[in-house]
């Protein structure tokens, strides 16, 4: 949320003369106070993203555990369909 607030405050740059159009202001042109927030906010984002990936890996491990817990039941026709004719 803070990054969105900073980008809103910084606004846009008109680069139509150079052929780029109107774009969000690059972080190199931000004020010093807002540039100082860039690294801490990036670290918070990276930590949050790693926590999300960890939860996905945990869910994958759970489903793989359940997959290997299923007992395979032999049917009377399973040997017939697997015969090497």
Protein backbone atom coordinates (compact mmCIF):
# COMPACT_ATOMS: atom_id res chain seq x y z
CA UNK A 1 0.00 0.00 0.00
CA UNK A 2 2.82 2.36 0.80
CA UNK A 3 4.44 1.78 -2.59
CA UNK A 4 1.15 2.63 -4.32
CA UNK A 5 0.88 5.80 -2.24
CA UNK A 6 4.44 6.82 -3.18
CA UNK A 7 3.83 6.17 -6.89
CA UNK A 8 0.61 8.19 -6.71
CA UNK A 9 2.41 11.09 -5.04
CA UNK A 10 5.27 11.08 -7.55
CA UNK A 11 2.93 11.12 -10.53
CA UNK A 12 3.77 10.83 -14.21
CA UNK A 13 6.35 12.19 -16.62
CA UNK A 14 5.48 13.47 -20.09
CA UNK A 15 7.97 11.92 -22.52
CA UNK A 16 5.95 12.33 -25.72
CA UNK A 17 8.79 14.40 -27.16
CA UNK A 18 11.04 11.33 -26.97
CA UNK A 19 8.35 9.03 -28.32
CA UNK A 20 7.54 7.24 -25.04
CA UNK A 21 4.28 8.96 -24.15
CA UNK A 22 3.17 9.66 -20.61
CA UNK A 23 4.74 7.16 -18.19
CA UNK A 24 4.97 6.79 -14.40
CA UNK A 25 7.94 8.70 -13.03
CA UNK A 26 11.01 6.42 -12.82
CA UNK A 27 12.30 5.85 -9.30
CA UNK A 28 15.55 7.64 -10.20
CA UNK A 29 13.53 10.86 -10.45
CA UNK A 30 11.66 10.42 -7.17
CA UNK A 31 12.26 12.76 -4.25
CA UNK A 32 14.97 11.70 -1.79
CA UNK A 33 12.45 10.94 0.97
CA UNK A 34 10.52 8.54 -1.27
CA UNK A 35 13.71 6.97 -2.72
CA UNK A 36 14.80 6.12 0.83
CA UNK A 37 11.67 3.95 1.18
CA UNK A 38 12.47 1.90 -1.94
CA UNK A 39 14.89 -0.63 -0.37
CA UNK A 40 12.90 -1.32 2.84
CA UNK A 41 9.67 -1.77 0.87
CA UNK A 42 11.41 -4.11 -1.59
CA UNK A 43 12.70 -6.22 1.30
CA UNK A 44 9.24 -6.43 2.85
CA UNK A 45 7.81 -7.47 -0.51
CA UNK A 46 10.50 -10.15 -0.95
CA UNK A 47 9.90 -11.57 2.53
CA UNK A 48 6.14 -11.66 1.96
CA UNK A 49 6.60 -13.37 -1.41
CA UNK A 50 8.90 -16.01 0.13
CA UNK A 51 6.28 -16.74 2.78
CA UNK A 52 3.66 -17.24 0.09
CA UNK A 53 5.94 -19.61 -1.85
CA UNK A 54 6.60 -21.55 1.37
CA UNK A 55 2.88 -22.00 1.93
CA UNK A 56 2.50 -23.31 -1.64
CA UNK A 57 5.32 -25.81 -1.06
CA UNK A 58 3.68 -26.91 2.18
CA UNK A 59 0.40 -27.47 0.36
CA UNK A 60 2.19 -29.44 -2.38
CA UNK A 61 3.85 -31.66 0.23
CA UNK A 62 0.45 -32.31 1.84
CA UNK A 63 -1.17 -33.32 -1.46
CA UNK A 64 1.78 -35.54 -2.37
CA UNK A 65 1.48 -37.19 1.06
CA UNK A 66 -2.23 -37.85 0.43
CA UNK A 67 -1.51 -39.14 -3.05
CA UNK A 68 0.90 -41.75 -1.73
CA UNK A 69 -1.51 -42.81 1.04
CA UNK A 70 -4.14 -44.06 -1.42
CA UNK A 71 -4.21 -47.84 -1.58
CA UNK A 72 -4.37 -49.23 -5.11
CA UNK A 73 -7.14 -51.80 -5.30
CA UNK A 74 -6.70 -54.63 -7.77
CA UNK A 75 -9.78 -55.31 -9.86
CA UNK A 76 -10.55 -58.67 -11.45
CA UNK A 77 -9.87 -57.21 -14.93
CA UNK A 78 -6.60 -55.43 -14.11
CA UNK A 79 -4.45 -58.46 -14.92
CA UNK A 80 -6.33 -58.95 -18.22
CA UNK A 81 -5.76 -55.33 -19.35
CA UNK A 82 -2.06 -55.55 -18.48
CA UNK A 83 -1.38 -58.81 -20.32
CA UNK A 84 1.41 -58.54 -22.95
CA UNK A 85 -0.59 -59.86 -25.94
